[in-house]
């Protein structure tokens, strides 16, 4: 087993910006920098990160890399699909929004935490139930209007600069907690307090 867990931070821009979990939750933009899931996993488990995505995702990957400042391998825009699948299969944990690579993680059995917003995870998630305690966990807000599946034609109230409420209400704590459970289940205990 590796000395540190390897996880994949997300390609958060899926089909449209309205579908992505707020960028600041991944990139560490103030005031989120100390509490992003990636930064917390890095600090608590010594996690290293592999970033995947298309060349169009490079600016976001650069922000994530700068925000984490630790062990990050940026492969955005550098891998053909088959190699992306191989990388995802070699990870200890996969973190993502509702994207195609999320389905790859489920297909190859890599434990995953996937953020869902307007999409119906019961319909579109290929990792089983997505319930806590399984290898593939869905992080989704519990709202009366979600999932609405109005991804391509969202309601007016979901078009603001911060995206729809169903994504804004998925918390860093929710994603981190699910990821930490999966890392511990995979044999990666948290570091001792004060360990570097």
N, C-alpha and C. Protein backbone atom coordinates (compact mmCIF):
# COMPACT_ATOMS: atom_id res chain seq x y z
N UNK A 1 0.84 -1.18 0.00
CA UNK A 1 0.00 0.00 0.00
C UNK A 1 0.89 1.24 0.00
N UNK A 2 0.49 2.25 -0.72
CA UNK A 2 1.26 3.48 -0.84
C UNK A 2 1.37 4.18 0.52
N UNK A 3 2.42 4.97 0.66
CA UNK A 3 2.63 5.70 1.90
C UNK A 3 1.58 6.80 2.08
N UNK A 4 1.05 7.29 0.99
CA UNK A 4 0.03 8.32 1.06
C UNK A 4 -1.07 7.99 0.08
N UNK A 5 -2.29 8.34 0.40
CA UNK A 5 -3.38 8.08 -0.54
C UNK A 5 -3.32 9.04 -1.72
N UNK A 6 -3.67 8.54 -2.89
CA UNK A 6 -3.74 9.37 -4.09
C UNK A 6 -5.20 9.57 -4.43
N UNK A 7 -5.57 10.80 -4.58
CA UNK A 7 -6.95 11.11 -4.93
C UNK A 7 -6.96 11.99 -6.17
N UNK A 8 -8.10 12.07 -6.79
CA UNK A 8 -8.24 12.91 -7.97
C UNK A 8 -9.20 14.02 -7.64
N UNK A 9 -8.72 15.23 -7.73
CA UNK A 9 -9.59 16.37 -7.54
C UNK A 9 -10.32 16.60 -8.86
N UNK A 10 -11.42 17.28 -8.84
CA UNK A 10 -12.36 17.18 -9.93
C UNK A 10 -12.10 18.04 -11.15
N UNK A 11 -12.67 17.59 -12.19
CA UNK A 11 -12.96 18.46 -13.32
C UNK A 11 -14.36 18.95 -12.98
N UNK A 12 -14.47 20.15 -12.45
CA UNK A 12 -15.76 20.58 -11.92
C UNK A 12 -16.67 21.20 -12.95
N UNK A 13 -16.15 21.54 -14.09
CA UNK A 13 -17.02 22.14 -15.10
C UNK A 13 -17.49 21.00 -15.99
N UNK A 14 -18.72 20.62 -15.84
CA UNK A 14 -19.26 19.52 -16.64
C UNK A 14 -19.85 20.10 -17.91
N UNK A 15 -21.12 19.91 -18.14
CA UNK A 15 -21.72 20.39 -19.38
C UNK A 15 -21.96 21.89 -19.39
N UNK A 16 -22.10 22.47 -18.24
CA UNK A 16 -22.31 23.92 -18.15
C UNK A 16 -21.90 24.39 -16.76
N UNK A 17 -21.53 25.64 -16.64
CA UNK A 17 -21.09 26.16 -15.36
C UNK A 17 -22.14 25.95 -14.28
N UNK A 18 -23.40 25.97 -14.65
CA UNK A 18 -24.47 25.83 -13.68
C UNK A 18 -24.45 24.48 -12.98
N UNK A 19 -23.78 23.49 -13.57
CA UNK A 19 -23.73 22.16 -12.98
C UNK A 19 -22.58 21.98 -12.00
N UNK A 20 -21.62 22.89 -12.00
CA UNK A 20 -20.42 22.64 -11.22
C UNK A 20 -20.60 23.06 -9.76
N UNK A 21 -19.93 22.33 -8.89
CA UNK A 21 -19.88 22.71 -7.49
C UNK A 21 -19.10 24.01 -7.45
N UNK A 22 -19.42 24.95 -6.57
CA UNK A 22 -18.73 26.24 -6.60
C UNK A 22 -17.21 26.08 -6.64
N UNK A 23 -16.58 26.77 -7.57
CA UNK A 23 -15.13 26.66 -7.75
C UNK A 23 -14.37 26.89 -6.46
N UNK A 24 -14.82 27.87 -5.67
CA UNK A 24 -14.06 28.17 -4.45
C UNK A 24 -14.00 26.98 -3.51
N UNK A 25 -14.96 26.07 -3.60
CA UNK A 25 -14.94 24.89 -2.73
C UNK A 25 -13.81 23.95 -3.11
N UNK A 26 -13.39 23.96 -4.38
CA UNK A 26 -12.27 23.10 -4.82
C UNK A 26 -10.95 23.85 -4.80
N UNK A 27 -10.96 25.11 -5.19
CA UNK A 27 -9.71 25.83 -5.44
C UNK A 27 -9.11 26.48 -4.21
N UNK A 28 -9.88 26.66 -3.17
CA UNK A 28 -9.32 27.26 -1.98
C UNK A 28 -9.37 28.77 -1.97
N UNK A 29 -10.20 29.38 -2.81
CA UNK A 29 -10.31 30.84 -2.79
C UNK A 29 -10.80 31.29 -1.42
N UNK A 30 -10.25 32.36 -0.94
CA UNK A 30 -10.63 32.87 0.37
C UNK A 30 -12.15 33.04 0.41
N UNK A 31 -12.80 32.68 1.48
CA UNK A 31 -12.28 32.20 2.76
C UNK A 31 -12.21 30.68 2.88
N UNK A 32 -12.23 29.97 1.77
CA UNK A 32 -12.29 28.52 1.78
C UNK A 32 -10.95 27.81 1.91
N UNK A 33 -9.82 28.50 1.78
CA UNK A 33 -8.53 27.84 1.57
C UNK A 33 -8.18 26.81 2.63
N UNK A 34 -8.50 27.05 3.88
CA UNK A 34 -8.12 26.11 4.93
C UNK A 34 -9.12 24.96 5.07
N UNK A 35 -10.23 25.04 4.37
CA UNK A 35 -11.26 24.04 4.62
C UNK A 35 -11.76 23.32 3.37
N UNK A 36 -11.08 23.47 2.24
CA UNK A 36 -11.52 22.72 1.07
C UNK A 36 -11.31 21.23 1.34
N UNK A 37 -12.10 20.39 0.70
CA UNK A 37 -11.91 18.95 0.92
C UNK A 37 -10.47 18.52 0.60
N UNK A 38 -9.92 19.02 -0.49
CA UNK A 38 -8.57 18.61 -0.88
C UNK A 38 -7.54 19.04 0.15
N UNK A 39 -7.61 20.30 0.59
CA UNK A 39 -6.64 20.78 1.58
C UNK A 39 -6.77 20.01 2.89
N UNK A 40 -7.98 19.72 3.29
CA UNK A 40 -8.18 18.97 4.53
C UNK A 40 -7.66 17.54 4.41
N UNK A 41 -7.89 16.90 3.27
CA UNK A 41 -7.38 15.54 3.08
C UNK A 41 -5.86 15.54 3.00
N UNK A 42 -5.30 16.55 2.40
CA UNK A 42 -3.85 16.68 2.32
C UNK A 42 -3.27 16.82 3.73
N UNK A 43 -3.86 17.68 4.53
CA UNK A 43 -3.38 17.93 5.88
C UNK A 43 -3.60 16.72 6.79
N UNK A 44 -4.77 16.11 6.72
CA UNK A 44 -5.11 15.05 7.67
C UNK A 44 -4.58 13.67 7.28
N UNK A 45 -4.47 13.39 5.98
CA UNK A 45 -4.06 12.07 5.54
C UNK A 45 -2.75 12.08 4.76
N UNK A 46 -2.20 13.25 4.49
CA UNK A 46 -1.02 13.35 3.65
C UNK A 46 -1.35 13.03 2.20
N UNK A 47 -2.59 13.27 1.80
CA UNK A 47 -3.05 12.93 0.46
C UNK A 47 -2.30 13.71 -0.61
N UNK A 48 -2.04 13.05 -1.71
CA UNK A 48 -1.50 13.66 -2.91
C UNK A 48 -2.60 13.64 -3.95
N UNK A 49 -2.52 14.52 -4.94
CA UNK A 49 -3.62 14.67 -5.88
C UNK A 49 -3.18 14.56 -7.33
N UNK A 50 -4.02 13.95 -8.12
CA UNK A 50 -3.86 13.88 -9.56
C UNK A 50 -5.06 14.60 -10.14
N UNK A 51 -4.80 15.59 -10.99
CA UNK A 51 -5.88 16.35 -11.60
C UNK A 51 -6.05 15.88 -13.04
N UNK A 52 -7.26 15.55 -13.41
CA UNK A 52 -7.55 15.14 -14.78
C UNK A 52 -8.58 16.07 -15.38
N UNK A 53 -8.70 16.02 -16.68
CA UNK A 53 -9.66 16.85 -17.39
C UNK A 53 -9.14 17.17 -18.77
N UNK A 54 -9.83 18.05 -19.45
CA UNK A 54 -9.42 18.45 -20.80
C UNK A 54 -8.50 19.66 -20.72
N UNK A 55 -7.95 20.05 -21.84
CA UNK A 55 -7.09 21.24 -21.88
C UNK A 55 -7.86 22.47 -21.40
N UNK A 56 -9.16 22.51 -21.63
CA UNK A 56 -9.97 23.64 -21.18
C UNK A 56 -10.03 23.74 -19.65
N UNK A 57 -9.70 22.66 -18.95
CA UNK A 57 -9.73 22.64 -17.49
C UNK A 57 -8.41 23.10 -16.86
N UNK A 58 -7.41 23.38 -17.68
CA UNK A 58 -6.09 23.75 -17.15
C UNK A 58 -6.11 24.98 -16.24
N UNK A 59 -6.84 26.06 -16.59
CA UNK A 59 -6.85 27.21 -15.66
C UNK A 59 -7.36 26.83 -14.27
N UNK A 60 -8.41 26.03 -14.20
CA UNK A 60 -8.91 25.59 -12.90
C UNK A 60 -7.89 24.68 -12.22
N UNK A 61 -7.27 23.79 -12.98
CA UNK A 61 -6.25 22.89 -12.41
C UNK A 61 -5.08 23.69 -11.85
N UNK A 62 -4.70 24.77 -12.53
CA UNK A 62 -3.62 25.61 -12.03
C UNK A 62 -4.02 26.27 -10.71
N UNK A 63 -5.27 26.70 -10.60
CA UNK A 63 -5.75 27.29 -9.35
C UNK A 63 -5.70 26.27 -8.22
N UNK A 64 -6.14 25.05 -8.50
CA UNK A 64 -6.14 23.99 -7.49
C UNK A 64 -4.70 23.69 -7.08
N UNK A 65 -3.81 23.56 -8.04
CA UNK A 65 -2.41 23.27 -7.76
C UNK A 65 -1.79 24.36 -6.89
N UNK A 66 -2.02 25.62 -7.23
CA UNK A 66 -1.50 26.72 -6.43
C UNK A 66 -2.13 26.74 -5.04
N UNK A 67 -3.42 26.46 -4.96
CA UNK A 67 -4.11 26.47 -3.68
C UNK A 67 -3.63 25.39 -2.73
N UNK A 68 -3.29 24.23 -3.28
CA UNK A 68 -2.84 23.13 -2.42
C UNK A 68 -1.36 23.22 -2.11
N UNK A 69 -0.58 23.59 -3.09
CA UNK A 69 0.85 23.78 -2.86
C UNK A 69 1.61 22.53 -2.48
N UNK A 70 0.97 21.40 -2.36
CA UNK A 70 1.65 20.17 -1.97
C UNK A 70 1.81 19.23 -3.15
N UNK A 71 1.70 17.96 -2.88
CA UNK A 71 1.89 16.94 -3.90
C UNK A 71 0.69 16.90 -4.84
N UNK A 72 0.84 17.56 -5.99
CA UNK A 72 -0.21 17.60 -7.00
C UNK A 72 0.40 17.27 -8.35
N UNK A 73 -0.20 16.36 -9.06
CA UNK A 73 0.22 16.01 -10.42
C UNK A 73 -0.91 16.43 -11.35
N UNK A 74 -0.64 17.45 -12.17
CA UNK A 74 -1.64 17.98 -13.08
C UNK A 74 -1.52 17.29 -14.44
N UNK A 75 -2.51 16.49 -14.78
CA UNK A 75 -2.53 15.78 -16.07
C UNK A 75 -3.62 16.31 -16.99
N UNK A 76 -4.18 17.48 -16.67
CA UNK A 76 -5.27 18.00 -17.49
C UNK A 76 -4.80 18.24 -18.92
N UNK A 77 -5.60 17.73 -19.86
CA UNK A 77 -5.31 17.91 -21.27
C UNK A 77 -4.18 17.08 -21.80
N UNK A 78 -3.65 16.18 -21.01
CA UNK A 78 -2.47 15.41 -21.42
C UNK A 78 -2.73 13.94 -21.67
N UNK A 79 -3.91 13.46 -21.31
CA UNK A 79 -4.16 12.03 -21.39
C UNK A 79 -5.28 11.68 -22.37
N UNK A 80 -5.07 10.63 -23.17
CA UNK A 80 -6.20 10.11 -23.93
C UNK A 80 -7.15 9.40 -22.96
N UNK A 81 -8.35 9.14 -23.42
CA UNK A 81 -9.38 8.55 -22.57
C UNK A 81 -8.93 7.26 -21.90
N UNK A 82 -8.28 6.36 -22.63
CA UNK A 82 -7.87 5.07 -22.05
C UNK A 82 -6.85 5.26 -20.92
N UNK A 83 -5.96 6.25 -21.07
CA UNK A 83 -4.99 6.51 -20.00
C UNK A 83 -5.65 7.17 -18.80
N UNK A 84 -6.64 8.00 -19.06
CA UNK A 84 -7.41 8.59 -17.95
C UNK A 84 -8.06 7.48 -17.13
N UNK A 85 -8.63 6.51 -17.81
CA UNK A 85 -9.24 5.36 -17.14
C UNK A 85 -8.21 4.61 -16.30
N UNK A 86 -7.01 4.41 -16.84
CA UNK A 86 -5.95 3.72 -16.10
C UNK A 86 -5.53 4.50 -14.86
N UNK A 87 -5.39 5.81 -15.00
CA UNK A 87 -5.02 6.64 -13.85
C UNK A 87 -6.10 6.56 -12.78
N UNK A 88 -7.34 6.71 -13.17
CA UNK A 88 -8.44 6.65 -12.20
C UNK A 88 -8.47 5.29 -11.50
N UNK A 89 -8.17 4.24 -12.24
CA UNK A 89 -8.14 2.90 -11.66
C UNK A 89 -7.03 2.71 -10.65
N UNK A 90 -5.98 3.51 -10.74
CA UNK A 90 -4.85 3.38 -9.82
C UNK A 90 -4.98 4.27 -8.58
N UNK A 91 -6.02 5.09 -8.52
CA UNK A 91 -6.20 6.00 -7.39
C UNK A 91 -6.77 5.27 -6.18
N UNK A 92 -6.54 5.85 -5.02
CA UNK A 92 -7.11 5.35 -3.77
C UNK A 92 -8.49 5.95 -3.50
N UNK A 93 -8.77 7.10 -4.13
CA UNK A 93 -10.03 7.79 -3.95
C UNK A 93 -10.22 8.74 -5.12
N UNK A 94 -11.46 8.88 -5.57
CA UNK A 94 -11.78 9.79 -6.66
C UNK A 94 -12.81 10.79 -6.18
N UNK A 95 -12.50 12.09 -6.27
CA UNK A 95 -13.42 13.17 -5.92
C UNK A 95 -13.83 13.86 -7.20
N UNK A 96 -15.12 14.09 -7.36
CA UNK A 96 -15.57 14.69 -8.61
C UNK A 96 -16.96 15.27 -8.48
N UNK A 97 -17.27 16.13 -9.42
CA UNK A 97 -18.65 16.52 -9.63
C UNK A 97 -19.26 15.42 -10.51
N UNK A 98 -20.49 15.61 -10.92
CA UNK A 98 -21.21 14.66 -11.78
C UNK A 98 -20.63 14.75 -13.19
N UNK A 99 -19.63 13.93 -13.47
CA UNK A 99 -18.92 13.96 -14.75
C UNK A 99 -18.74 12.56 -15.32
N UNK A 100 -18.28 12.50 -16.55
CA UNK A 100 -17.97 11.21 -17.17
C UNK A 100 -16.93 10.42 -16.40
N UNK A 101 -15.81 11.05 -15.98
CA UNK A 101 -14.81 10.30 -15.20
C UNK A 101 -15.37 9.72 -13.90
N UNK A 102 -16.43 10.31 -13.35
CA UNK A 102 -17.07 9.74 -12.17
C UNK A 102 -17.56 8.33 -12.49
N UNK A 103 -18.11 8.14 -13.69
CA UNK A 103 -18.56 6.82 -14.10
C UNK A 103 -17.38 5.86 -14.29
N UNK A 104 -16.26 6.40 -14.74
CA UNK A 104 -15.05 5.58 -14.88
C UNK A 104 -14.62 5.04 -13.52
N UNK A 105 -14.63 5.90 -12.51
CA UNK A 105 -14.24 5.46 -11.16
C UNK A 105 -15.13 4.33 -10.69
N UNK A 106 -16.42 4.46 -10.91
CA UNK A 106 -17.34 3.39 -10.52
C UNK A 106 -17.06 2.12 -11.30
N UNK A 107 -16.78 2.26 -12.60
CA UNK A 107 -16.54 1.09 -13.45
C UNK A 107 -15.30 0.31 -13.04
N UNK A 108 -14.25 1.01 -12.63
CA UNK A 108 -13.01 0.32 -12.26
C UNK A 108 -12.91 0.04 -10.76
N UNK A 109 -13.93 0.46 -10.00
CA UNK A 109 -13.97 0.14 -8.57
C UNK A 109 -13.18 1.07 -7.67
N UNK A 110 -12.76 2.22 -8.17
CA UNK A 110 -12.06 3.19 -7.33
C UNK A 110 -13.08 3.88 -6.43
N UNK A 111 -12.91 3.84 -5.11
CA UNK A 111 -13.84 4.51 -4.21
C UNK A 111 -14.00 5.98 -4.63
N UNK A 112 -15.22 6.50 -4.51
CA UNK A 112 -15.46 7.85 -5.01
C UNK A 112 -16.47 8.61 -4.17
N UNK A 113 -16.31 9.94 -4.20
CA UNK A 113 -17.30 10.86 -3.67
C UNK A 113 -17.66 11.77 -4.83
N UNK A 114 -18.93 11.80 -5.18
CA UNK A 114 -19.40 12.55 -6.34
C UNK A 114 -20.45 13.57 -5.91
N UNK A 115 -20.23 14.82 -6.32
CA UNK A 115 -21.14 15.91 -5.98
C UNK A 115 -22.22 16.01 -7.07
N UNK A 116 -23.46 15.92 -6.63
CA UNK A 116 -24.60 16.04 -7.54
C UNK A 116 -25.41 17.28 -7.16
N UNK A 117 -25.99 17.91 -8.15
CA UNK A 117 -26.86 19.07 -7.94
C UNK A 117 -28.21 18.81 -8.57
N UNK A 118 -28.46 19.40 -9.76
CA UNK A 118 -29.76 19.24 -10.39
C UNK A 118 -30.00 17.87 -11.01
N UNK A 119 -28.92 17.11 -11.25
CA UNK A 119 -29.09 15.77 -11.83
C UNK A 119 -29.60 14.78 -10.78
N UNK A 120 -30.39 13.85 -11.20
CA UNK A 120 -30.94 12.83 -10.31
C UNK A 120 -29.94 11.68 -10.19
N UNK A 121 -29.28 11.58 -9.04
CA UNK A 121 -28.29 10.53 -8.83
C UNK A 121 -28.91 9.14 -8.95
N UNK A 122 -30.18 9.01 -8.59
CA UNK A 122 -30.83 7.70 -8.71
C UNK A 122 -30.91 7.26 -10.16
N UNK A 123 -30.93 8.22 -11.04
CA UNK A 123 -31.03 7.91 -12.47
C UNK A 123 -29.68 7.91 -13.17
N UNK A 124 -28.78 8.83 -12.80
CA UNK A 124 -27.56 9.05 -13.55
C UNK A 124 -26.28 8.58 -12.87
N UNK A 125 -26.34 8.14 -11.64
CA UNK A 125 -25.14 7.70 -10.94
C UNK A 125 -24.94 6.21 -11.17
N UNK A 126 -23.77 5.84 -11.65
CA UNK A 126 -23.51 4.44 -11.98
C UNK A 126 -22.80 3.68 -10.87
N UNK A 127 -22.63 4.30 -9.71
CA UNK A 127 -21.90 3.67 -8.62
C UNK A 127 -22.77 3.01 -7.57
N UNK A 128 -23.95 2.58 -7.92
CA UNK A 128 -24.83 1.93 -6.94
C UNK A 128 -25.78 2.93 -6.32
N UNK A 129 -26.02 2.77 -5.04
CA UNK A 129 -26.99 3.64 -4.36
C UNK A 129 -26.42 5.01 -4.03
N UNK A 130 -25.10 5.10 -3.89
CA UNK A 130 -24.48 6.37 -3.50
C UNK A 130 -24.61 6.67 -2.02
N UNK A 131 -25.12 5.71 -1.27
CA UNK A 131 -25.36 5.93 0.15
C UNK A 131 -24.05 5.93 0.95
N UNK A 132 -24.01 6.68 2.06
CA UNK A 132 -22.85 6.60 2.95
C UNK A 132 -22.61 5.15 3.36
N UNK A 133 -21.35 4.80 3.50
CA UNK A 133 -21.01 3.43 3.87
C UNK A 133 -20.75 2.53 2.68
N UNK A 134 -21.01 3.02 1.47
CA UNK A 134 -20.70 2.27 0.25
C UNK A 134 -19.39 2.79 -0.33
N UNK A 135 -18.86 2.12 -1.34
CA UNK A 135 -17.59 2.55 -1.96
C UNK A 135 -17.75 3.77 -2.86
N UNK A 136 -18.95 4.08 -3.25
CA UNK A 136 -19.22 5.21 -4.13
C UNK A 136 -20.33 6.05 -3.50
N UNK A 137 -19.96 7.22 -2.99
CA UNK A 137 -20.87 8.04 -2.20
C UNK A 137 -21.29 9.28 -3.00
N UNK A 138 -22.56 9.59 -2.94
CA UNK A 138 -23.09 10.81 -3.56
C UNK A 138 -23.25 11.87 -2.49
N UNK A 139 -22.72 13.06 -2.76
CA UNK A 139 -22.93 14.22 -1.89
C UNK A 139 -23.93 15.11 -2.60
N UNK A 140 -25.09 15.30 -1.99
CA UNK A 140 -26.16 16.05 -2.62
C UNK A 140 -26.98 16.74 -1.54
N UNK A 141 -27.40 17.97 -1.83
CA UNK A 141 -28.23 18.71 -0.88
C UNK A 141 -29.64 18.14 -0.87
N UNK A 142 -30.26 18.22 0.28
CA UNK A 142 -31.64 17.75 0.43
C UNK A 142 -32.57 18.95 0.31
N UNK A 143 -33.06 19.18 -0.90
CA UNK A 143 -33.95 20.30 -1.17
C UNK A 143 -35.24 19.81 -1.81
N UNK A 144 -36.30 20.55 -1.61
CA UNK A 144 -37.59 20.18 -2.19
C UNK A 144 -37.53 20.16 -3.71
N UNK A 145 -36.69 21.00 -4.31
CA UNK A 145 -36.66 21.14 -5.77
C UNK A 145 -35.61 20.27 -6.44
N UNK A 146 -34.81 19.58 -5.66
CA UNK A 146 -33.72 18.78 -6.24
C UNK A 146 -33.99 17.29 -6.03
N UNK A 147 -33.71 16.51 -7.01
CA UNK A 147 -33.17 16.91 -8.30
C UNK A 147 -34.28 17.34 -9.25
N UNK A 148 -34.00 18.39 -10.00
CA UNK A 148 -35.00 18.88 -10.95
C UNK A 148 -34.71 18.39 -12.37
N UNK A 149 -33.47 18.00 -12.62
CA UNK A 149 -33.02 17.56 -13.94
C UNK A 149 -33.16 18.64 -15.00
N UNK A 150 -33.23 19.90 -14.58
CA UNK A 150 -33.32 21.01 -15.53
C UNK A 150 -31.92 21.58 -15.79
N UNK A 151 -31.04 20.72 -16.24
CA UNK A 151 -29.64 21.08 -16.40
C UNK A 151 -29.43 22.02 -17.58
N UNK A 152 -30.01 21.72 -18.68
CA UNK A 152 -29.80 22.53 -19.88
C UNK A 152 -30.69 23.78 -19.93
N UNK A 153 -31.78 23.76 -19.20
CA UNK A 153 -32.70 24.90 -19.14
C UNK A 153 -33.11 25.15 -17.69
N UNK A 154 -32.14 25.58 -16.86
CA UNK A 154 -32.44 25.76 -15.44
C UNK A 154 -33.41 26.91 -15.19
N UNK A 155 -34.13 26.85 -14.09
CA UNK A 155 -35.02 27.95 -13.72
C UNK A 155 -34.21 29.24 -13.51
N UNK A 156 -34.85 30.35 -13.66
CA UNK A 156 -34.21 31.66 -13.54
C UNK A 156 -33.46 31.82 -12.22
N UNK A 157 -34.03 31.35 -11.13
CA UNK A 157 -33.39 31.52 -9.82
C UNK A 157 -32.08 30.74 -9.68
N UNK A 158 -31.80 29.84 -10.61
CA UNK A 158 -30.57 29.05 -10.56
C UNK A 158 -29.48 29.60 -11.48
N UNK A 159 -29.73 30.73 -12.11
CA UNK A 159 -28.78 31.28 -13.07
C UNK A 159 -27.84 32.32 -12.49
N UNK A 160 -27.85 32.52 -11.20
CA UNK A 160 -26.99 33.53 -10.58
C UNK A 160 -25.52 33.18 -10.68
N UNK A 161 -24.65 34.08 -10.27
CA UNK A 161 -23.21 33.87 -10.41
C UNK A 161 -22.67 32.69 -9.59
N UNK A 162 -23.37 32.31 -8.54
CA UNK A 162 -22.90 31.19 -7.71
C UNK A 162 -23.55 29.87 -8.07
N UNK A 163 -24.35 29.84 -9.13
CA UNK A 163 -24.98 28.59 -9.54
C UNK A 163 -26.19 28.25 -8.70
N UNK A 164 -26.75 27.08 -8.94
CA UNK A 164 -27.98 26.70 -8.26
C UNK A 164 -27.77 26.37 -6.78
N UNK A 165 -28.82 26.60 -6.02
CA UNK A 165 -28.78 26.34 -4.59
C UNK A 165 -28.45 24.88 -4.28
N UNK A 166 -28.91 23.96 -5.12
CA UNK A 166 -28.67 22.54 -4.85
C UNK A 166 -27.19 22.20 -4.87
N UNK A 167 -26.38 22.98 -5.56
CA UNK A 167 -24.93 22.78 -5.52
C UNK A 167 -24.28 23.61 -4.42
N UNK A 168 -24.74 24.82 -4.22
CA UNK A 168 -24.17 25.67 -3.17
C UNK A 168 -24.33 25.05 -1.79
N UNK A 169 -25.40 24.28 -1.59
CA UNK A 169 -25.65 23.70 -0.27
C UNK A 169 -24.93 22.38 0.00
N UNK A 170 -24.23 21.85 -0.98
CA UNK A 170 -23.36 20.70 -0.73
C UNK A 170 -22.13 21.27 -0.03
N UNK A 171 -21.89 20.85 1.20
CA UNK A 171 -20.85 21.48 1.99
C UNK A 171 -19.50 20.80 1.87
N UNK A 172 -18.47 21.59 2.14
CA UNK A 172 -17.11 21.06 2.21
C UNK A 172 -17.05 19.95 3.26
N UNK A 173 -17.71 20.17 4.40
CA UNK A 173 -17.72 19.16 5.46
C UNK A 173 -18.35 17.85 4.98
N UNK A 174 -19.41 17.94 4.22
CA UNK A 174 -20.09 16.75 3.70
C UNK A 174 -19.17 15.95 2.79
N UNK A 175 -18.48 16.62 1.87
CA UNK A 175 -17.57 15.94 0.95
C UNK A 175 -16.37 15.39 1.70
N UNK A 176 -15.80 16.20 2.57
CA UNK A 176 -14.64 15.76 3.34
C UNK A 176 -14.96 14.54 4.20
N UNK A 177 -16.08 14.57 4.89
CA UNK A 177 -16.45 13.45 5.77
C UNK A 177 -16.58 12.15 4.99
N UNK A 178 -17.24 12.21 3.84
CA UNK A 178 -17.40 10.99 3.02
C UNK A 178 -16.04 10.51 2.52
N UNK A 179 -15.19 11.44 2.09
CA UNK A 179 -13.86 11.06 1.60
C UNK A 179 -13.01 10.46 2.72
N UNK A 180 -13.05 11.05 3.91
CA UNK A 180 -12.26 10.54 5.03
C UNK A 180 -12.69 9.13 5.41
N UNK A 181 -13.97 8.86 5.40
CA UNK A 181 -14.46 7.50 5.69
C UNK A 181 -13.90 6.51 4.67
N UNK A 182 -13.93 6.89 3.40
CA UNK A 182 -13.43 5.99 2.36
C UNK A 182 -11.93 5.77 2.46
N UNK A 183 -11.17 6.81 2.80
CA UNK A 183 -9.73 6.64 2.97
C UNK A 183 -9.42 5.73 4.15
N UNK A 184 -10.09 5.93 5.27
CA UNK A 184 -9.87 5.05 6.43
C UNK A 184 -10.22 3.61 6.08
N UNK A 185 -11.33 3.42 5.37
CA UNK A 185 -11.73 2.06 4.97
C UNK A 185 -10.72 1.43 4.03
N UNK A 186 -9.99 2.27 3.29
CA UNK A 186 -8.97 1.78 2.37
C UNK A 186 -7.62 1.55 3.03
N UNK A 187 -7.55 1.73 4.33
CA UNK A 187 -6.31 1.45 5.06
C UNK A 187 -5.42 2.66 5.26
N UNK A 188 -5.95 3.85 5.12
CA UNK A 188 -5.18 5.06 5.31
C UNK A 188 -5.65 5.78 6.57
N UNK A 189 -5.00 5.54 7.70
CA UNK A 189 -5.41 6.22 8.92
C UNK A 189 -4.99 7.69 8.85
N UNK A 190 -5.72 8.55 9.56
CA UNK A 190 -5.30 9.96 9.61
C UNK A 190 -3.92 10.08 10.24
N UNK A 191 -3.21 11.11 9.89
CA UNK A 191 -1.90 11.38 10.50
C UNK A 191 -2.08 11.69 11.97
N UNK A 192 -1.00 11.50 12.71
CA UNK A 192 -1.00 11.93 14.11
C UNK A 192 -1.07 13.44 14.15
N UNK A 193 -1.67 13.99 15.17
CA UNK A 193 -1.75 15.45 15.31
C UNK A 193 -0.35 16.04 15.30
N UNK A 194 -0.16 17.06 14.46
CA UNK A 194 1.12 17.72 14.38
C UNK A 194 2.11 17.06 13.44
N UNK A 195 1.75 15.91 12.85
CA UNK A 195 2.67 15.24 11.92
C UNK A 195 2.74 16.02 10.63
N UNK A 196 3.89 16.02 10.01
CA UNK A 196 4.07 16.75 8.75
C UNK A 196 3.99 15.83 7.56
